[in-house]
Amino acid sequence: MERAAPPVASSRLTSGIAVWARHADGVSRPDGSPDPHPLDNAVWEALTSHQADLSEGDGSARRFDPEVSAFAAIDVAHDQAWAALADLASDEPVALFRDHIPALPAGWVEVARGEGHQLVLEPHDLTSVGVAPGRPLTGADVPAMLDLVAATTPGPFLARTIELGRYHGAFESGRLVAMAGERLHLDGFTEISAVCTHPDARGRGLAATLTRTVAVGIIGREETPFLHVARGNDTARRVYERLGFRERRIVQFVLARPAFLGDDGRTD
């Protein structure tokens, strides 16, 4: 989903999520009831399963440790859940994404809203694009990863985001010029994220080969890779589709914060 913000500053998170265009098409069963697929609320599913050790909160609202990720989730959009999320968020903005995010209730300020494509890769659809250069990335590479994120804005990425999963990077003359990695991990699925290439190294297929490397690792664990692409980022979407990813649905993204004394209720 690959446009958002350099680390830490909420204004930078705002600029990232704001690039998502506004468009939504709901997915439902033939009887009109919501589709309960776990990817419809992937953040919640991750925070209550494989990544619960990186989460804060319980009950109806959870968020990642704010040093790891700005993403948060509620199970069902009711007043109790929004109140619980406000307690978790404190004075920090949180990023939400799922199948549908309704208008925020009183007590919340919407900083940015947008939408994107959720793509899923069935293992038998994975195509070959060559061998990825480089090596797995470790904690020692985090400063270089943050520099690359600052130069390319692939998505929200913080100093501890690497704890979410495995990352692979390509280097030139000792400098990290491209990477891809894992973000959300839930039962049966792992998200590919932070796919980015430095402007000096674009046009060489690094994004495709690195994405495929990460996907192969996920498939090797008998899980299904998925990812998110900002609506309008057709170049990235075509890269993923050539690898075999197919659109599952449109998802919505909101960056929001609890209202403070003096807020007039309007969105920022």
C-alpha atoms as a PDB file:
ATOM      1  CA  MET A   1       0.000   0.000   0.000  1.00  0.00           C
ATOM      2  CA  GLU A   2       2.687   1.762  -0.714  1.00  0.00           C
ATOM      3  CA  ARG A   3       2.558   5.442  -0.142  1.00  0.00           C
ATOM      4  CA  ALA A   4       2.609   7.054   3.232  1.00  0.00           C
ATOM      5  CA  ALA A   5       4.985   8.470   5.673  1.00  0.00           C
ATOM      6  CA  PRO A   6       8.450   8.674   7.038  1.00  0.00           C
ATOM      7  CA  PRO A   7       8.628   7.646  10.680  1.00  0.00           C
ATOM      8  CA  VAL A   8       7.234   9.187  13.831  1.00  0.00           C
ATOM      9  CA  ALA A   9       5.701  12.568  12.969  1.00  0.00           C
ATOM     10  CA  SER A  10       1.889  12.480  12.743  1.00  0.00           C
ATOM     11  CA  SER A  11       1.917  15.101   9.995  1.00  0.00           C
ATOM     12  CA  ARG A  12       3.961  12.722   7.880  1.00  0.00           C
ATOM     13  CA  LEU A  13       1.506   9.909   8.580  1.00  0.00           C
ATOM     14  CA  THR A  14      -1.211  12.292   7.426  1.00  0.00           C
ATOM     15  CA  SER A  15       0.511  12.942   4.113  1.00  0.00           C
ATOM     16  CA  GLY A  16       0.875   9.226   3.541  1.00  0.00           C
ATOM     17  CA  ILE A  17      -2.699   8.152   4.093  1.00  0.00           C
ATOM     18  CA  ALA A  18      -4.033  11.255   2.363  1.00  0.00           C
ATOM     19  CA  VAL A  19      -2.783   9.970  -0.987  1.00  0.00           C
ATOM     20  CA  TRP A  20      -5.436   7.259  -1.000  1.00  0.00           C
ATOM     21  CA  ALA A  21      -8.277   8.255  -3.321  1.00  0.00           C
ATOM     22  CA  ARG A  22     -11.862   8.136  -2.173  1.00  0.00           C
ATOM     23  CA  HIS A  23     -13.840   5.235  -3.564  1.00  0.00           C
ATOM     24  CA  ALA A  24     -15.589   2.239  -1.972  1.00  0.00           C
ATOM     25  CA  ASP A  25     -17.536  -0.772  -3.073  1.00  0.00           C
ATOM     26  CA  GLY A  26     -18.862  -3.014  -0.339  1.00  0.00           C
ATOM     27  CA  VAL A  27     -18.606  -6.785  -0.494  1.00  0.00           C
ATOM     28  CA  SER A  28     -21.522  -8.803   0.836  1.00  0.00           C
ATOM     29  CA  ARG A  29     -23.033 -12.250   0.784  1.00  0.00           C
ATOM     30  CA  PRO A  30     -25.999 -12.973  -1.485  1.00  0.00           C
ATOM     31  CA  ASP A  31     -28.301 -12.412   1.491  1.00  0.00           C
ATOM     32  CA  GLY A  32     -26.831  -8.943   2.040  1.00  0.00           C
ATOM     33  CA  SER A  33     -24.994  -9.737   5.274  1.00  0.00           C
ATOM     34  CA  PRO A  34     -21.350  -8.716   5.652  1.00  0.00           C
ATOM     35  CA  ASP A  35     -18.582 -10.991   4.450  1.00  0.00           C
ATOM     36  CA  PRO A  36     -16.736 -12.200   7.570  1.00  0.00           C
ATOM     37  CA  HIS A  37     -13.432 -12.882   5.812  1.00  0.00           C
ATOM     38  CA  PRO A  38     -10.475 -12.206   8.155  1.00  0.00           C
ATOM     39  CA  LEU A  39      -8.859  -9.872   5.600  1.00  0.00           C
ATOM     40  CA  ASP A  40     -11.838  -7.532   5.923  1.00  0.00           C
ATOM     41  CA  ASN A  41     -10.417  -6.459   9.295  1.00  0.00           C
ATOM     42  CA  ALA A  42      -6.841  -7.653   8.932  1.00  0.00           C
ATOM     43  CA  VAL A  43      -5.332  -5.341  11.553  1.00  0.00           C
ATOM     44  CA  TRP A  44      -7.725  -6.635  14.206  1.00  0.00           C
ATOM     45  CA  GLU A  45      -7.092 -10.233  13.207  1.00  0.00           C
ATOM     46  CA  ALA A  46      -3.323  -9.707  13.448  1.00  0.00           C
ATOM     47  CA  LEU A  47      -3.513  -7.900  16.794  1.00  0.00           C
ATOM     48  CA  THR A  48      -5.606 -10.705  18.302  1.00  0.00           C
ATOM     49  CA  SER A  49      -3.518 -13.599  16.974  1.00  0.00           C
ATOM     50  CA  HIS A  50       0.091 -13.804  15.758  1.00  0.00           C
ATOM     51  CA  GLN A  51       1.027 -10.227  16.692  1.00  0.00           C
ATOM     52  CA  ALA A  52      -0.779  -9.980  20.014  1.00  0.00           C
ATOM     53  CA  ASP A  53       2.615  -9.656  21.728  1.00  0.00           C
ATOM     54  CA  LEU A  54       3.099  -6.322  19.929  1.00  0.00           C
ATOM     55  CA  SER A  55      -0.356  -5.009  20.806  1.00  0.00           C
ATOM     56  CA  GLU A  56      -1.879  -2.784  23.446  1.00  0.00           C
ATOM     57  CA  GLY A  57      -5.465  -2.995  24.683  1.00  0.00           C
ATOM     58  CA  ASP A  58      -7.996  -5.776  24.840  1.00  0.00           C
ATOM     59  CA  GLY A  59     -11.716  -6.282  24.530  1.00  0.00           C
ATOM     60  CA  SER A  60     -13.156  -4.241  21.664  1.00  0.00           C
ATOM     61  CA  ALA A  61     -10.115  -2.080  20.709  1.00  0.00           C
ATOM     62  CA  ARG A  62      -6.425  -2.719  20.154  1.00  0.00           C
ATOM     63  CA  ARG A  63      -3.421  -0.945  18.687  1.00  0.00           C
ATOM     64  CA  PHE A  64       0.166  -1.813  17.916  1.00  0.00           C
ATOM     65  CA  ASP A  65       2.841  -0.568  20.267  1.00  0.00           C
ATOM     66  CA  PRO A  66       3.244   3.002  18.931  1.00  0.00           C
ATOM     67  CA  GLU A  67       6.985   2.454  18.479  1.00  0.00           C
ATOM     68  CA  VAL A  68       6.187  -0.425  16.094  1.00  0.00           C
ATOM     69  CA  SER A  69       3.241   0.868  14.063  1.00  0.00           C
ATOM     70  CA  ALA A  70       0.515   3.505  14.049  1.00  0.00           C
ATOM     71  CA  PHE A  71      -2.147   0.949  13.076  1.00  0.00           C
ATOM     72  CA  ALA A  72      -5.056   0.237  15.401  1.00  0.00           C
ATOM     73  CA  ALA A  73      -8.364  -1.586  15.094  1.00  0.00           C
ATOM     74  CA  ILE A  74     -11.767  -2.062  16.602  1.00  0.00           C
ATOM     75  CA  ASP A  75     -13.741  -5.261  16.325  1.00  0.00           C
ATOM     76  CA  VAL A  76     -17.183  -3.708  15.780  1.00  0.00           C
ATOM     77  CA  ALA A  77     -17.820   0.011  15.270  1.00  0.00           C
ATOM     78  CA  HIS A  78     -19.896   0.823  18.344  1.00  0.00           C
ATOM     79  CA  ASP A  79     -19.567   3.524  20.999  1.00  0.00           C
ATOM     80  CA  GLN A  80     -17.839   1.282  23.527  1.00  0.00           C
ATOM     81  CA  ALA A  81     -15.167   0.313  20.999  1.00  0.00           C
ATOM     82  CA  TRP A  82     -14.507   3.917  19.947  1.00  0.00           C
ATOM     83  CA  ALA A  83     -14.218   4.953  23.609  1.00  0.00           C
ATOM     84  CA  ALA A  84     -11.767   2.129  24.286  1.00  0.00           C
ATOM     85  CA  LEU A  85      -9.719   3.135  21.249  1.00  0.00           C
ATOM     86  CA  ALA A  86      -9.656   6.773  22.416  1.00  0.00           C
ATOM     87  CA  ASP A  87      -8.158   5.621  25.716  1.00  0.00           C
ATOM     88  CA  LEU A  88      -5.457   3.718  23.812  1.00  0.00           C
ATOM     89  CA  ALA A  89      -4.720   6.549  21.390  1.00  0.00           C
ATOM     90  CA  SER A  90      -4.393   9.224  24.073  1.00  0.00           C
ATOM     91  CA  ASP A  91      -3.201  12.317  22.162  1.00  0.00           C
ATOM     92  CA  GLU A  92      -1.654  10.352  19.277  1.00  0.00           C
ATOM     93  CA  PRO A  93      -3.272   9.780  15.870  1.00  0.00           C
ATOM     94  CA  VAL A  94      -3.983   6.176  14.971  1.00  0.00           C
ATOM     95  CA  ALA A  95      -4.336   4.632  11.516  1.00  0.00           C
ATOM     96  CA  LEU A  96      -7.288   2.363  10.820  1.00  0.00           C
ATOM     97  CA  PHE A  97      -7.982   0.263   7.763  1.00  0.00           C
ATOM     98  CA  ARG A  98     -10.592  -2.352   7.021  1.00  0.00           C
ATOM     99  CA  ASP A  99     -13.473  -3.133   4.661  1.00  0.00           C
ATOM    100  CA  HIS A 100     -15.542  -0.113   5.706  1.00  0.00           C
ATOM    101  CA  ILE A 101     -14.952   2.681   8.212  1.00  0.00           C
ATOM    102  CA  PRO A 102     -18.077   4.720   8.964  1.00  0.00           C
ATOM    103  CA  ALA A 103     -18.147   8.411   9.783  1.00  0.00           C
ATOM    104  CA  LEU A 104     -16.305   8.910  13.057  1.00  0.00           C
ATOM    105  CA  PRO A 105     -18.409   9.438  16.175  1.00  0.00           C
ATOM    106  CA  ALA A 106     -18.395  12.505  18.381  1.00  0.00           C
ATOM    107  CA  GLY A 107     -15.129  12.818  20.236  1.00  0.00           C
ATOM    108  CA  TRP A 108     -12.946  11.999  17.224  1.00  0.00           C
ATOM    109  CA  VAL A 109     -11.241  14.148  14.602  1.00  0.00           C
ATOM    110  CA  GLU A 110     -10.649  12.696  11.151  1.00  0.00           C
ATOM    111  CA  VAL A 111      -7.224  13.764   9.924  1.00  0.00           C
ATOM    112  CA  ALA A 112      -7.242  11.921   6.599  1.00  0.00           C
ATOM    113  CA  ARG A 113      -9.301   9.327   4.759  1.00  0.00           C
ATOM    114  CA  GLY A 114      -8.644   7.290   1.648  1.00  0.00           C
ATOM    115  CA  GLU A 115      -8.933   3.907   0.021  1.00  0.00           C
ATOM    116  CA  GLY A 116      -6.943   1.298  -1.795  1.00  0.00           C
ATOM    117  CA  HIS A 117      -6.885  -2.123  -3.400  1.00  0.00           C
ATOM    118  CA  GLN A 118      -6.401  -5.288  -1.370  1.00  0.00           C
ATOM    119  CA  LEU A 119      -4.598  -7.890  -3.493  1.00  0.00           C
ATOM    120  CA  VAL A 120      -4.142 -11.580  -2.680  1.00  0.00           C
ATOM    121  CA  LEU A 121      -1.723 -14.087  -4.197  1.00  0.00           C
ATOM    122  CA  GLU A 122      -2.771 -17.707  -4.543  1.00  0.00           C
ATOM    123  CA  PRO A 123       0.417 -19.819  -4.464  1.00  0.00           C
ATOM    124  CA  HIS A 124      -0.272 -21.475  -7.826  1.00  0.00           C
ATOM    125  CA  ASP A 125      -0.513 -18.039  -9.477  1.00  0.00           C
ATOM    126  CA  LEU A 126       2.987 -16.863  -8.519  1.00  0.00           C
ATOM    127  CA  THR A 127       5.056 -16.078 -11.602  1.00  0.00           C
ATOM    128  CA  SER A 128       8.833 -16.069 -12.020  1.00  0.00           C
ATOM    129  CA  VAL A 129      10.728 -12.770 -12.327  1.00  0.00           C
ATOM    130  CA  GLY A 130      14.264 -13.837 -11.517  1.00  0.00           C
ATOM    131  CA  VAL A 131      16.266 -14.042  -8.332  1.00  0.00           C
ATOM    132  CA  ALA A 132      16.257 -11.117  -5.929  1.00  0.00           C
ATOM    133  CA  PRO A 133      19.641  -9.591  -5.140  1.00  0.00           C
ATOM    134  CA  GLY A 134      20.707  -8.715  -1.643  1.00  0.00           C
ATOM    135  CA  ARG A 135      20.075 -10.381   1.683  1.00  0.00           C
ATOM    136  CA  PRO A 136      17.715 -10.534   4.659  1.00  0.00           C
ATOM    137  CA  LEU A 137      17.657  -7.331   6.701  1.00  0.00           C
ATOM    138  CA  THR A 138      18.277  -7.206  10.446  1.00  0.00           C
ATOM    139  CA  GLY A 139      18.052  -4.701  13.261  1.00  0.00           C
ATOM    140  CA  ALA A 140      21.469  -3.392  12.296  1.00  0.00           C
ATOM    141  CA  ASP A 141      19.965  -2.258   8.985  1.00  0.00           C
ATOM    142  CA  VAL A 142      17.196  -0.161  10.534  1.00  0.00           C
ATOM    143  CA  PRO A 143      18.948   3.229  10.065  1.00  0.00           C
ATOM    144  CA  ALA A 144      19.432   2.460   6.356  1.00  0.00           C
ATOM    145  CA  MET A 145      15.817   1.259   6.107  1.00  0.00           C
ATOM    146  CA  LEU A 146      14.561   4.499   7.643  1.00  0.00           C
ATOM    147  CA  ASP A 147      16.681   6.510   5.205  1.00  0.00           C
ATOM    148  CA  LEU A 148      15.204   4.569   2.283  1.00  0.00           C
ATOM    149  CA  VAL A 149      11.666   5.062   3.605  1.00  0.00           C
ATOM    150  CA  ALA A 150      12.298   8.813   3.929  1.00  0.00           C
ATOM    151  CA  ALA A 151      13.399   8.927   0.296  1.00  0.00           C
ATOM    152  CA  THR A 152      10.528   6.853  -1.089  1.00  0.00           C
ATOM    153  CA  THR A 153       7.495   7.049   1.291  1.00  0.00           C
ATOM    154  CA  PRO A 154       6.286   3.454   0.794  1.00  0.00           C
ATOM    155  CA  GLY A 155       4.084   3.345   3.882  1.00  0.00           C
ATOM    156  CA  PRO A 156       4.197   4.021   7.631  1.00  0.00           C
ATOM    157  CA  PHE A 157       7.531   2.647   8.870  1.00  0.00           C
ATOM    158  CA  LEU A 158       9.061   3.256  12.294  1.00  0.00           C
ATOM    159  CA  ALA A 159      12.244   2.256  14.081  1.00  0.00           C
ATOM    160  CA  ARG A 160      10.688  -0.953  15.422  1.00  0.00           C
ATOM    161  CA  THR A 161       8.501  -1.844  12.433  1.00  0.00           C
ATOM    162  CA  ILE A 162      11.057  -4.497  11.504  1.00  0.00           C
ATOM    163  CA  GLU A 163       9.734  -6.522  14.453  1.00  0.00           C
ATOM    164  CA  LEU A 164       6.565  -7.222  12.469  1.00  0.00           C
ATOM    165  CA  GLY A 165       8.221  -9.711  10.126  1.00  0.00           C
ATOM    166  CA  ARG A 166      11.012 -10.620   7.731  1.00  0.00           C
ATOM    167  CA  TYR A 167      12.567  -8.059   5.358  1.00  0.00           C
ATOM    168  CA  HIS A 168      14.837  -8.458   2.361  1.00  0.00           C
ATOM    169  CA  GLY A 169      16.976  -5.704   0.832  1.00  0.00           C
ATOM    170  CA  ALA A 170      19.145  -4.979  -2.194  1.00  0.00           C
ATOM    171  CA  PHE A 171      22.375  -2.988  -1.863  1.00  0.00           C
ATOM    172  CA  GLU A 172      24.601  -1.012  -4.217  1.00  0.00           C
ATOM    173  CA  SER A 173      28.048   0.100  -3.079  1.00  0.00           C
ATOM    174  CA  GLY A 174      27.034  -0.676   0.471  1.00  0.00           C
ATOM    175  CA  ARG A 175      23.866   1.446   0.320  1.00  0.00           C
ATOM    176  CA  LEU A 176      20.388  -0.027   0.722  1.00  0.00           C
ATOM    177  CA  VAL A 177      18.519   0.847  -2.489  1.00  0.00           C
ATOM    178  CA  ALA A 178      15.425  -1.375  -2.350  1.00  0.00           C
ATOM    179  CA  MET A 179      13.521  -3.532   0.111  1.00  0.00           C
ATOM    180  CA  ALA A 180      10.309  -5.417   0.802  1.00  0.00           C
ATOM    181  CA  GLY A 181       9.026  -7.098   3.921  1.00  0.00           C
ATOM    182  CA  GLU A 182       6.169  -8.404   6.032  1.00  0.00           C
ATOM    183  CA  ARG A 183       3.734  -6.410   8.143  1.00  0.00           C
ATOM    184  CA  LEU A 184       0.396  -7.913   9.262  1.00  0.00           C
ATOM    185  CA  HIS A 185       0.446 -11.590  10.223  1.00  0.00           C
ATOM    186  CA  LEU A 186      -2.825 -13.364  10.925  1.00  0.00           C
ATOM    187  CA  ASP A 187      -3.994 -16.941  10.739  1.00  0.00           C
ATOM    188  CA  GLY A 188      -3.262 -18.206   7.225  1.00  0.00           C
ATOM    189  CA  PHE A 189      -2.169 -14.834   5.793  1.00  0.00           C
ATOM    190  CA  THR A 190       0.839 -12.489   5.864  1.00  0.00           C
ATOM    191  CA  GLU A 191       0.889  -8.998   4.354  1.00  0.00           C
ATOM    192  CA  ILE A 192       3.757  -7.782   2.165  1.00  0.00           C
ATOM    193  CA  SER A 193       4.605  -4.133   2.795  1.00  0.00           C
ATOM    194  CA  ALA A 194       7.374  -1.502   2.740  1.00  0.00           C
ATOM    195  CA  VAL A 195       8.074  -2.274  -0.916  1.00  0.00           C
ATOM    196  CA  CYS A 196      10.269   0.579  -2.097  1.00  0.00           C
ATOM    197  CA  THR A 197      13.140   1.407  -4.436  1.00  0.00           C
ATOM    198  CA  HIS A 198      15.393   4.438  -4.257  1.00  0.00           C
ATOM    199  CA  PRO A 199      14.872   6.773  -7.258  1.00  0.00           C
ATOM    200  CA  ASP A 200      18.470   6.117  -8.355  1.00  0.00           C
ATOM    201  CA  ALA A 201      17.785   2.377  -8.679  1.00  0.00           C
ATOM    202  CA  ARG A 202      14.354   2.286 -10.306  1.00  0.00           C
ATOM    203  CA  GLY A 203      13.601   0.583 -13.602  1.00  0.00           C
ATOM    204  CA  ARG A 204      15.604  -2.562 -12.809  1.00  0.00           C
ATOM    205  CA  GLY A 205      12.814  -4.781 -11.518  1.00  0.00           C
ATOM    206  CA  LEU A 206      13.994  -4.696  -7.906  1.00  0.00           C
ATOM    207  CA  ALA A 207      10.500  -4.175  -6.470  1.00  0.00           C
ATOM    208  CA  ALA A 208       9.180  -7.219  -8.326  1.00  0.00           C
ATOM    209  CA  THR A 209      12.048  -9.544  -7.420  1.00  0.00           C
ATOM    210  CA  LEU A 210      12.074  -8.499  -3.764  1.00  0.00           C
ATOM    211  CA  THR A 211       8.292  -8.808  -3.482  1.00  0.00           C
ATOM    212  CA  ARG A 212       8.494 -12.273  -4.998  1.00  0.00           C
ATOM    213  CA  THR A 213      11.236 -13.272  -2.535  1.00  0.00           C
ATOM    214  CA  VAL A 214       9.073 -12.247   0.402  1.00  0.00           C
ATOM    215  CA  ALA A 215       6.040 -13.989  -1.129  1.00  0.00           C
ATOM    216  CA  VAL A 216       7.977 -17.222  -1.575  1.00  0.00           C
ATOM    217  CA  GLY A 217       8.915 -17.155   2.103  1.00  0.00           C
ATOM    218  CA  ILE A 218       5.271 -16.675   3.104  1.00  0.00           C
ATOM    219  CA  ILE A 219       4.085 -19.470   0.819  1.00  0.00           C
ATOM    220  CA  GLY A 220       6.807 -21.695   2.254  1.00  0.00           C
ATOM    221  CA  ARG A 221       5.048 -21.350   5.634  1.00  0.00           C
ATOM    222  CA  GLU A 222       1.821 -22.500   3.951  1.00  0.00           C
ATOM    223  CA  GLU A 223       0.312 -19.026   4.249  1.00  0.00           C
ATOM    224  CA  THR A 224      -1.223 -16.733   1.636  1.00  0.00           C
ATOM    225  CA  PRO A 225       0.508 -13.435   0.774  1.00  0.00           C
ATOM    226  CA  PHE A 226      -1.583 -10.269   0.465  1.00  0.00           C
ATOM    227  CA  LEU A 227      -0.830  -6.576   0.131  1.00  0.00           C
ATOM    228  CA  HIS A 228      -2.407  -3.163  -0.304  1.00  0.00           C
ATOM    229  CA  VAL A 229      -1.927  -0.598  -3.053  1.00  0.00           C
ATOM    230  CA  ALA A 230      -3.121   2.995  -2.996  1.00  0.00           C
ATOM    231  CA  ARG A 231      -5.876   3.705  -5.471  1.00  0.00           C
ATOM    232  CA  GLY A 232      -4.245   5.522  -8.376  1.00  0.00           C
ATOM    233  CA  ASN A 233      -0.848   3.872  -7.894  1.00  0.00           C
ATOM    234  CA  ASP A 234      -1.303   1.923 -11.120  1.00  0.00           C
ATOM    235  CA  THR A 235       2.416   1.365 -11.660  1.00  0.00           C
ATOM    236  CA  ALA A 236       2.783  -0.604  -8.432  1.00  0.00           C
ATOM    237  CA  ARG A 237      -0.475  -2.423  -9.023  1.00  0.00           C
ATOM    238  CA  ARG A 238       0.696  -3.641 -12.433  1.00  0.00           C
ATOM    239  CA  VAL A 239       3.934  -4.940 -10.884  1.00  0.00           C
ATOM    240  CA  TYR A 240       1.985  -6.983  -8.356  1.00  0.00           C
ATOM    241  CA  GLU A 241      -0.509  -8.244 -10.906  1.00  0.00           C
ATOM    242  CA  ARG A 242       2.331  -9.492 -13.119  1.00  0.00           C
ATOM    243  CA  LEU A 243       3.517 -11.504 -10.112  1.00  0.00           C
ATOM    244  CA  GLY A 244       0.092 -13.128  -9.884  1.00  0.00           C
ATOM    245  CA  PHE A 245      -1.671 -10.979  -7.270  1.00  0.00           C
ATOM    246  CA  ARG A 246      -5.378 -10.436  -7.871  1.00  0.00           C
ATOM    247  CA  GLU A 247      -7.703  -7.866  -6.331  1.00  0.00           C
ATOM    248  CA  ARG A 248      -9.932  -9.141  -3.559  1.00  0.00           C
ATOM    249  CA  ARG A 249     -11.690  -5.919  -2.584  1.00  0.00           C
ATOM    250  CA  ILE A 250     -11.449  -2.190  -1.872  1.00  0.00           C
ATOM    251  CA  VAL A 251     -10.467  -1.245   1.684  1.00  0.00           C
ATOM    252  CA  GLN A 252     -10.734   2.050   3.503  1.00  0.00           C
ATOM    253  CA  PHE A 253      -8.069   3.925   5.481  1.00  0.00           C
ATOM    254  CA  VAL A 254      -8.541   6.603   8.103  1.00  0.00           C
ATOM    255  CA  LEU A 255      -6.040   8.528  10.180  1.00  0.00           C
ATOM    256  CA  ALA A 256      -7.824   9.859  13.265  1.00  0.00           C
ATOM    257  CA  ARG A 257      -7.235  11.187  16.750  1.00  0.00           C
ATOM    258  CA  PRO A 258      -9.376  11.798  19.800  1.00  0.00           C
ATOM    259  CA  ALA A 259     -10.778  15.322  19.893  1.00  0.00           C
ATOM    260  CA  PHE A 260      -9.090  17.775  22.228  1.00  0.00           C
ATOM    261  CA  LEU A 261     -10.528  20.663  24.181  1.00  0.00           C
ATOM    262  CA  GLY A 262     -11.085  23.429  21.661  1.00  0.00           C
ATOM    263  CA  ASP A 263     -11.667  21.171  18.648  1.00  0.00           C
ATOM    264  CA  ASP A 264     -14.699  22.421  16.773  1.00  0.00           C
ATOM    265  CA  GLY A 265     -15.687  19.010  15.424  1.00  0.00           C
ATOM    266  CA  ARG A 266     -14.570  19.652  11.871  1.00  0.00           C
ATOM    267  CA  THR A 267     -12.106  17.366  10.149  1.00  0.00           C
ATOM    268  CA  ASP A 268      -8.566  18.711   9.878  1.00  0.00           C
END
